Amino acid sequence: MEDGKWRSYLVVYVFVFCLAGVMAVLLISPKEAVSGAERRRLASKPSLTWENVLDKSFMEDTETYLLDHFPFRDGLRRIKALFTYDVLQQKENNAIYVAGGHASKLEYPLNEASIKRLADKMKALRQQYFPKQAVWYAVVPDKNYFLAEKNGYPSMDYGRMVRLLSQEFAAESDFCYIDLMSGLTIDDYYRTDTHWRQERILSVAHHIAEAMGTGSAMIFSEESRADDTAHQIADFYGVYYGQAALPMEPDTIVYLTNEVTDAAQVWSLEENLLGGADAGKAVMPGQDGAVQKPVYQPEKLADPLSLDKYDVFVGGASSLQVISSPGSLTDRRLIVFRDSYMSSLAPLLLGVYREITLIDLRYIDSKRIGEYVDFADADILFLYNTTIVNHAEMLK
């Protein structure tokens, strides 16, 4: 047989062998339910039915399943990311860039229509639920505020964002702005994640409490921490670590406790909803049978289905949570329309408020919250990070 034919057969045999090898590894390798690197649930193996064959969804779901469980997937993602940065000299990968040891995700341009949408949502909520109460609002800057412009990346005009938001409330004298941007630095954030670090935002908690007239009741102090205990959770790889697929050293989560936080309990709507004929109703805090958990939930670290170690703070994302604090120095109540940044901030305010209600409109329709929340005589706070402000369409 001619040398050319032998080479052709050899190429075919090697290709078939490699393909069979990959399929064998795919079949025998353990299947994970969650990608720790990407912080998302992986696709499960689709079942074969006539319906999904006819509508072609079986092939689409199978392709997604094979991609999610492809052998050495994380390693290949790492190689691709390094090739993008080091060979192609691109400045970002999957919209993630690294500057000054911090990973961040590009957020650009400023969406002025979203700012108006958010302001209209806030005003509508006030009109519906707390028309005669004072309202405070604050904006948490994302990491681009500190990193993007000075490192040559496109950046939003954050000053204009705040000005436009303030203009929307110009005729609403009871909307009071709390400036958080000027008091934060990039070191107040995790290097591999989007969130701020609880041990670094004590001044933020004090600033908010003072603006709302409750500063004298703060239980955590930057000057005196003798009665406070700091717990550490090592090897925290944040959301940007997985998305960038670049080698980075992990962060350490620190959470602060004392006798007040130890006594506090968290009630979540999802864990207290009733079924059957009472579907949609819930066992409310204080009622018999109500499920309540500690403010800090380190058991989330051992949960194989947990997507984020940051969930140690009040149990993570939830449509509606109520934190009861029997050790509070006041009888005041706080209701916060929030995103995930509030999860680590809320425990720092437990000496100030006997009850803190957290409402996340990404997961519950604003028309339904009146079924579960009593707004009378409560302090009202809207606290959103700039990504939410720039994409207010995600709020229901």
Protein backbone atom coordinates (compact mmCIF):
# COMPACT_ATOMS: atom_id res chain seq x y z
CA MET A 1 0.00 0.00 0.00
CA GLU A 2 1.30 3.42 -0.87
CA ASP A 3 2.69 5.67 1.87
CA GLY A 4 0.02 8.30 1.17
CA LYS A 5 -2.79 5.83 1.81
CA TRP A 6 -1.15 4.61 5.02
CA ARG A 7 -0.92 8.18 6.26
CA SER A 8 -4.56 8.76 5.39
CA TYR A 9 -5.65 5.61 7.24
CA LEU A 10 -3.46 6.54 10.19
CA VAL A 11 -5.09 9.96 10.45
CA VAL A 12 -8.55 8.37 10.33
CA TYR A 13 -7.65 5.75 12.95
CA VAL A 14 -6.15 8.34 15.29
CA PHE A 15 -9.20 10.56 14.91
CA VAL A 16 -11.62 7.68 15.60
CA PHE A 17 -9.51 6.55 18.56
CA CYS A 18 -9.48 10.06 20.08
CA LEU A 19 -13.20 10.49 19.48
CA ALA A 20 -13.95 7.12 21.08
CA GLY A 21 -11.66 7.95 23.98
CA VAL A 22 -13.41 11.24 24.64
CA MET A 23 -16.83 9.55 24.49
CA ALA A 24 -15.65 6.82 26.86
CA VAL A 25 -14.38 9.38 29.37
CA LEU A 26 -17.63 11.31 29.03
CA LEU A 27 -19.69 8.20 29.74
CA ILE A 28 -17.72 6.90 32.75
CA SER A 29 -16.74 10.18 34.40
CA PRO A 30 -18.90 11.35 37.35
CA LYS A 31 -21.44 14.00 36.45
CA GLU A 32 -21.59 17.10 38.60
CA ALA A 33 -24.86 18.94 39.21
CA VAL A 34 -23.15 22.28 39.74
CA SER A 35 -20.13 23.98 38.19
CA GLY A 36 -18.17 25.50 41.05
CA ALA A 37 -16.00 27.50 38.67
CA GLU A 38 -18.89 29.02 36.72
CA ARG A 39 -21.29 29.14 39.69
CA ARG A 40 -24.24 27.67 37.80
CA ARG A 41 -26.21 24.46 37.59
CA LEU A 42 -25.14 22.11 34.81
CA ALA A 43 -27.56 20.59 32.33
CA SER A 44 -28.96 17.17 33.21
CA LYS A 45 -29.18 14.30 30.72
CA PRO A 46 -32.35 14.75 28.64
CA SER A 47 -34.88 11.93 28.40
CA LEU A 48 -35.86 10.68 24.96
CA THR A 49 -39.53 11.14 24.01
CA TRP A 50 -41.45 11.43 20.76
CA GLU A 51 -42.37 15.00 21.64
CA ASN A 52 -38.83 16.29 22.13
CA VAL A 53 -37.63 14.42 19.03
CA LEU A 54 -40.33 15.98 16.88
CA ASP A 55 -39.80 19.51 18.20
CA LYS A 56 -36.00 19.02 17.96
CA SER A 57 -35.48 19.99 21.61
CA PHE A 58 -33.88 16.60 22.38
CA MET A 59 -30.90 17.31 20.14
CA GLU A 60 -30.56 20.83 21.51
CA ASP A 61 -30.73 19.62 25.13
CA THR A 62 -28.28 16.80 24.36
CA GLU A 63 -25.82 19.27 22.85
CA THR A 64 -26.07 21.46 25.96
CA TYR A 65 -25.60 18.41 28.21
CA LEU A 66 -22.50 17.24 26.29
CA LEU A 67 -20.96 20.70 26.36
CA ASP A 68 -21.58 21.08 30.10
CA HIS A 69 -20.01 17.70 30.90
CA PHE A 70 -17.24 17.65 28.29
CA PRO A 71 -14.05 16.07 29.75
CA PHE A 72 -11.46 18.57 31.02
CA ARG A 73 -13.90 21.41 30.31
CA ASP A 74 -12.52 23.77 32.95
CA GLY A 75 -8.96 23.20 31.76
CA LEU A 76 -9.93 23.93 28.18
CA ARG A 77 -11.71 27.11 29.28
CA ARG A 78 -8.53 28.16 31.07
CA ILE A 79 -6.42 27.54 27.94
CA LYS A 80 -8.87 29.54 25.84
CA ALA A 81 -8.78 32.44 28.30
CA LEU A 82 -4.97 32.47 28.45
CA PHE A 83 -4.82 32.36 24.63
CA THR A 84 -7.21 35.30 24.47
CA TYR A 85 -5.14 37.39 26.88
CA ASP A 86 -1.55 36.35 26.15
CA VAL A 87 -1.57 35.49 22.45
CA LEU A 88 -4.38 37.57 20.97
CA GLN A 89 -3.61 40.39 23.44
CA GLN A 90 -7.27 41.05 24.05
CA LYS A 91 -8.03 43.06 27.19
CA GLU A 92 -11.05 41.04 28.30
CA ASN A 93 -12.50 37.55 28.12
CA ASN A 94 -16.27 36.97 28.31
CA ALA A 95 -16.53 40.70 29.17
CA ILE A 96 -14.34 40.05 32.27
CA TYR A 97 -11.06 41.88 32.72
CA VAL A 98 -8.41 41.86 35.43
CA ALA A 99 -6.78 45.08 36.66
CA GLY A 100 -4.82 45.72 39.83
CA GLY A 101 -5.42 42.15 40.98
CA HIS A 102 -9.20 42.56 40.76
CA ALA A 103 -11.51 40.90 38.25
CA SER A 104 -14.49 42.92 37.05
CA LYS A 105 -17.17 42.73 34.37
CA LEU A 106 -17.66 45.50 31.84
CA GLU A 107 -20.85 47.50 32.36
CA TYR A 108 -21.33 50.08 29.60
CA PRO A 109 -22.93 52.33 28.40
CA LEU A 110 -25.18 54.19 30.83
CA ASN A 111 -28.81 53.22 30.24
CA GLU A 112 -30.75 56.40 30.95
CA ALA A 113 -34.09 54.77 30.16
CA SER A 114 -33.36 52.21 32.88
CA ILE A 115 -32.77 54.96 35.43
CA LYS A 116 -36.19 56.41 34.71
CA ARG A 117 -37.74 52.94 34.87
CA LEU A 118 -36.20 52.35 38.29
CA ALA A 119 -37.33 55.75 39.59
CA ASP A 120 -40.87 55.14 38.31
CA LYS A 121 -40.88 51.75 40.05
CA MET A 122 -39.74 53.29 43.33
CA LYS A 123 -42.34 56.08 43.17
CA ALA A 124 -45.09 53.60 42.32
CA LEU A 125 -44.17 51.41 45.28
CA ARG A 126 -44.24 54.40 47.61
CA GLN A 127 -47.62 55.51 46.30
CA GLN A 128 -49.07 52.01 46.73
CA TYR A 129 -47.59 50.91 50.05
CA PHE A 130 -46.10 53.81 52.08
CA PRO A 131 -47.35 57.16 50.67
CA LYS A 132 -46.80 59.20 53.84
CA GLN A 133 -43.44 57.77 54.94
CA ALA A 134 -39.95 59.09 54.33
CA VAL A 135 -37.84 57.05 51.93
CA TRP A 136 -34.05 56.71 51.68
CA TYR A 137 -32.17 55.38 48.68
CA ALA A 138 -28.53 54.53 48.03
CA VAL A 139 -26.51 53.26 45.09
CA VAL A 140 -23.63 50.79 45.53
CA PRO A 141 -20.98 51.29 42.83
CA ASP A 142 -19.79 48.25 40.94
CA LYS A 143 -16.04 47.62 40.67
CA ASN A 144 -15.84 49.42 37.32
CA TYR A 145 -16.33 52.66 39.23
CA PHE A 146 -12.81 52.20 40.61
CA LEU A 147 -11.12 50.22 37.82
CA ALA A 148 -12.50 50.78 34.33
CA GLU A 149 -11.61 54.31 33.26
CA LYS A 150 -8.13 54.46 34.78
CA ASN A 151 -7.20 51.13 33.15
CA GLY A 152 -8.43 52.05 29.67
CA TYR A 153 -11.79 50.27 29.70
CA PRO A 154 -15.12 51.87 28.73
CA SER A 155 -16.85 53.28 31.79
CA MET A 156 -20.27 54.65 32.62
CA ASP A 157 -20.71 58.20 33.84
CA TYR A 158 -21.58 57.35 37.44
CA GLY A 159 -22.01 60.99 38.40
CA ARG A 160 -24.63 61.39 35.70
CA MET A 161 -26.36 58.22 36.89
CA VAL A 162 -26.83 59.68 40.35
CA ARG A 163 -27.82 63.10 39.00
CA LEU A 164 -30.48 61.61 36.71
CA LEU A 165 -31.85 59.54 39.56
CA SER A 166 -31.98 62.61 41.79
CA GLN A 167 -33.74 64.60 39.07
CA GLU A 168 -36.45 61.93 38.88
CA PHE A 169 -37.14 62.57 42.58
CA ALA A 170 -36.88 66.38 42.40
CA ALA A 171 -40.61 66.75 43.03
CA GLU A 172 -40.57 64.05 45.72
CA SER A 173 -39.18 65.77 48.82
CA ASP A 174 -39.48 62.61 50.94
CA PHE A 175 -36.89 60.71 48.85
CA CYS A 176 -33.52 61.18 50.59
CA TYR A 177 -30.26 60.16 48.91
CA ILE A 178 -27.47 58.50 50.93
CA ASP A 179 -24.08 58.83 49.22
CA LEU A 180 -22.08 55.60 49.48
CA MET A 181 -19.79 56.03 46.48
CA SER A 182 -17.43 58.57 47.97
CA GLY A 183 -16.73 56.42 51.03
CA LEU A 184 -15.76 53.19 49.25
CA THR A 185 -12.53 51.96 47.64
CA ILE A 186 -11.70 48.97 45.45
CA ASP A 187 -10.21 47.23 48.51
CA ASP A 188 -13.70 47.06 50.02
CA TYR A 189 -14.59 44.41 47.39
CA TYR A 190 -13.56 40.80 46.88
CA ARG A 191 -10.91 40.43 44.19
CA THR A 192 -12.64 37.55 42.39
CA ASP A 193 -16.25 38.56 42.99
CA THR A 194 -18.70 41.40 42.46
CA HIS A 195 -19.66 41.89 46.14
CA TRP A 196 -18.27 44.05 48.90
CA ARG A 197 -16.59 42.54 51.96
CA GLN A 198 -18.57 42.69 55.19
CA GLU A 199 -15.55 43.41 57.40
CA ARG A 200 -14.77 46.44 55.20
CA ILE A 201 -18.22 48.09 55.19
CA LEU A 202 -18.69 48.91 58.86
CA SER A 203 -18.39 52.59 57.94
CA VAL A 204 -21.11 52.09 55.29
CA ALA A 205 -23.44 50.61 57.91
CA HIS A 206 -22.72 53.52 60.26
CA HIS A 207 -23.29 56.05 57.48
CA ILE A 208 -26.67 54.56 56.57
CA ALA A 209 -27.76 54.32 60.22
CA GLU A 210 -26.76 57.93 60.90
CA ALA A 211 -28.55 59.16 57.77
CA MET A 212 -31.71 57.40 58.95
CA GLY A 213 -31.37 58.69 62.50
CA THR A 214 -30.32 55.47 64.24
CA GLY A 215 -26.53 55.74 64.36
CA SER A 216 -26.32 55.73 68.16
CA ALA A 217 -27.65 52.15 68.30
CA MET A 218 -24.96 50.52 66.14
CA ILE A 219 -23.56 47.33 67.69
CA PHE A 220 -20.43 47.01 65.53
CA SER A 221 -17.66 49.56 65.82
CA GLU A 222 -14.48 50.02 63.82
CA GLU A 223 -12.79 51.53 66.87
CA SER A 224 -13.80 48.91 69.43
CA ARG A 225 -14.16 45.27 68.37
CA ALA A 226 -13.43 43.56 71.71
CA ASP A 227 -16.80 41.80 71.81
CA ASP A 228 -16.95 41.01 68.11
CA THR A 229 -15.85 37.72 66.58
CA ALA A 230 -14.60 37.49 63.00
CA HIS A 231 -15.03 34.11 61.30
CA GLN A 232 -13.12 33.23 58.14
CA ILE A 233 -14.08 31.09 55.17
CA ALA A 234 -11.07 30.36 53.00
CA ASP A 235 -10.87 29.54 49.29
CA PHE A 236 -13.73 31.71 48.11
CA TYR A 237 -13.69 31.83 44.31
CA GLY A 238 -16.12 34.51 43.22
CA VAL A 239 -18.36 34.79 40.19
CA TYR A 240 -15.75 36.60 38.09
CA TYR A 241 -13.15 33.91 38.72
CA GLY A 242 -15.26 31.31 36.96
CA GLN A 243 -16.41 33.59 34.16
CA ALA A 244 -12.92 34.83 33.36
CA ALA A 245 -11.41 31.31 33.60
CA LEU A 246 -8.09 32.90 34.54
CA PRO A 247 -5.75 31.77 37.33
CA MET A 248 -6.34 33.96 40.40
CA GLU A 249 -5.73 33.49 44.11
CA PRO A 250 -8.95 32.90 46.06
CA ASP A 251 -10.52 35.40 48.44
CA THR A 252 -11.39 34.85 52.09
CA ILE A 253 -14.91 35.55 53.34
CA VAL A 254 -15.02 37.17 56.78
CA TYR A 255 -18.29 37.43 58.69
CA LEU A 256 -18.77 39.26 61.98
CA THR A 257 -20.78 37.97 64.91
CA ASN A 258 -21.69 38.99 68.44
CA GLU A 259 -24.45 38.16 70.89
CA VAL A 260 -26.99 40.20 68.89
CA THR A 261 -26.36 38.45 65.56
CA ASP A 262 -26.23 35.09 67.35
CA ALA A 263 -29.75 35.65 68.69
CA ALA A 264 -31.21 36.83 65.37
CA GLN A 265 -33.30 34.58 63.09
CA VAL A 266 -34.06 34.73 59.36
CA TRP A 267 -37.46 33.82 57.89
CA SER A 268 -37.63 33.26 54.09
CA LEU A 269 -40.83 33.22 52.06
CA GLU A 270 -39.76 30.27 49.89
CA GLU A 271 -39.23 28.06 52.93
CA ASN A 272 -42.58 28.96 54.52
CA LEU A 273 -45.03 28.83 51.61
CA LEU A 274 -48.01 26.53 52.03
CA GLY A 275 -49.23 24.12 49.38
CA GLY A 276 -52.54 22.59 48.36
CA ALA A 277 -55.65 24.68 48.95
CA ASP A 278 -53.52 27.29 50.77
CA ALA A 279 -51.05 27.72 47.92
CA GLY A 280 -49.68 31.25 47.89
CA LYS A 281 -50.12 31.73 51.63
CA ALA A 282 -47.23 31.46 54.07
CA VAL A 283 -46.54 30.68 57.71
CA MET A 284 -45.43 34.11 58.85
CA PRO A 285 -42.66 34.89 61.39
CA GLY A 286 -43.78 34.20 64.94
CA GLN A 287 -46.54 31.80 63.90
CA ASP A 288 -46.47 28.14 64.87
CA GLY A 289 -44.57 26.07 62.33
CA ALA A 290 -42.58 28.98 60.88
CA VAL A 291 -39.15 27.90 59.58
CA GLN A 292 -36.42 30.27 60.76
CA LYS A 293 -32.65 29.99 60.47
CA PRO A 294 -29.59 31.81 61.82
CA VAL A 295 -28.36 35.01 60.21
CA TYR A 296 -25.15 33.27 59.13
CA GLN A 297 -25.55 29.85 57.53
CA PRO A 298 -22.14 28.16 57.14
CA GLU A 299 -23.92 24.90 56.31
CA LYS A 300 -24.29 26.36 52.81
CA LEU A 301 -20.57 25.62 52.39
CA ALA A 302 -21.20 21.88 52.59
CA ASP A 303 -24.25 21.91 50.29
CA PRO A 304 -23.18 20.41 46.92
CA LEU A 305 -26.02 22.27 45.21
CA SER A 306 -25.08 25.66 46.63
CA LEU A 307 -23.85 27.94 43.87
CA ASP A 308 -22.17 30.55 46.01
CA LYS A 309 -20.31 30.63 49.32
CA TYR A 310 -21.57 34.21 49.66
CA ASP A 311 -24.90 32.54 50.55
CA VAL A 312 -23.51 32.21 54.09
CA PHE A 313 -24.96 35.71 54.57
CA VAL A 314 -28.69 35.34 55.47
CA GLY A 315 -28.93 32.22 53.30
CA GLY A 316 -28.46 33.93 49.94
CA ALA A 317 -30.97 35.07 47.34
CA SER A 318 -34.64 35.09 48.31
CA SER A 319 -37.73 36.96 47.20
CA LEU A 320 -38.65 38.00 50.75
CA GLN A 321 -36.86 37.61 54.07
CA VAL A 322 -37.59 38.86 57.58
CA ILE A 323 -34.75 39.06 60.11
CA SER A 324 -35.92 39.18 63.74
CA SER A 325 -33.40 40.67 66.19
CA PRO A 326 -34.49 40.29 69.84
CA GLY A 327 -31.20 41.82 70.97
CA SER A 328 -31.80 45.10 69.15
CA LEU A 329 -31.38 48.32 71.13
CA THR A 330 -34.54 49.80 69.56
CA ASP A 331 -38.02 48.66 68.52
CA ARG A 332 -37.69 50.15 65.05
CA ARG A 333 -38.38 48.26 61.82
CA LEU A 334 -36.55 48.56 58.51
CA ILE A 335 -37.84 47.49 55.09
CA VAL A 336 -35.26 47.29 52.32
CA PHE A 337 -35.81 46.87 48.59
CA ARG A 338 -32.51 45.26 47.81
CA ASP A 339 -30.17 43.10 45.78
CA SER A 340 -27.48 40.69 47.00
CA TYR A 341 -25.25 43.44 48.42
CA MET A 342 -27.69 43.85 51.30
CA SER A 343 -27.15 40.25 52.42
CA SER A 344 -23.84 41.07 54.11
CA LEU A 345 -24.89 44.58 55.18
CA ALA A 346 -28.11 43.62 57.01
CA PRO A 347 -26.42 41.78 59.93
CA LEU A 348 -24.46 44.94 60.74
CA LEU A 349 -27.75 46.79 61.37
CA LEU A 350 -29.30 44.27 63.77
CA GLY A 351 -28.54 46.38 66.84
CA VAL A 352 -30.41 49.26 65.23
CA TYR A 353 -33.58 47.45 64.13
CA ARG A 354 -35.74 44.88 65.91
CA GLU A 355 -36.92 43.65 62.51
CA ILE A 356 -35.40 43.99 59.03
CA THR A 357 -37.45 42.95 55.98
CA LEU A 358 -35.56 42.31 52.75
CA ILE A 359 -37.50 42.43 49.47
CA ASP A 360 -35.86 41.37 46.20
CA LEU A 361 -38.06 42.38 43.28
CA ARG A 362 -36.07 40.18 40.93
CA TYR A 363 -37.89 37.21 42.46
CA ILE A 364 -41.30 38.51 43.52
CA ASP A 365 -43.87 40.67 41.76
CA SER A 366 -44.21 44.08 43.42
CA LYS A 367 -48.00 43.67 43.31
CA ARG A 368 -47.80 40.72 45.74
CA ILE A 369 -45.59 42.05 48.52
CA GLY A 370 -48.53 43.70 50.28
CA GLU A 371 -49.82 40.19 51.04
CA TYR A 372 -46.81 39.56 53.28
CA VAL A 373 -45.38 42.90 54.40
CA ASP A 374 -46.77 45.53 56.78
CA PHE A 375 -45.20 48.86 55.89
CA ALA A 376 -46.77 50.93 58.67
CA ASP A 377 -44.30 52.99 60.73
CA ALA A 378 -41.25 51.28 59.19
CA ASP A 379 -38.13 52.96 57.82
CA ILE A 380 -37.92 52.41 54.05
CA LEU A 381 -34.65 52.01 52.15
CA PHE A 382 -33.92 51.26 48.49
CA LEU A 383 -30.39 49.91 48.09
CA TYR A 384 -29.25 48.77 44.64
CA ASN A 385 -25.89 48.34 42.98
CA THR A 386 -25.23 50.18 39.74
CA THR A 387 -25.77 47.06 37.61
CA ILE A 388 -29.38 46.88 38.81
CA VAL A 389 -29.82 50.62 38.24
CA ASN A 390 -28.54 50.15 34.69
CA HIS A 391 -30.80 47.11 34.08
CA ALA A 392 -33.96 47.91 36.02
CA GLU A 393 -36.01 45.77 33.64
CA MET A 394 -35.06 42.76 35.78
CA LEU A 395 -37.22 44.11 38.64
CA LYS A 396 -40.80 42.80 38.63
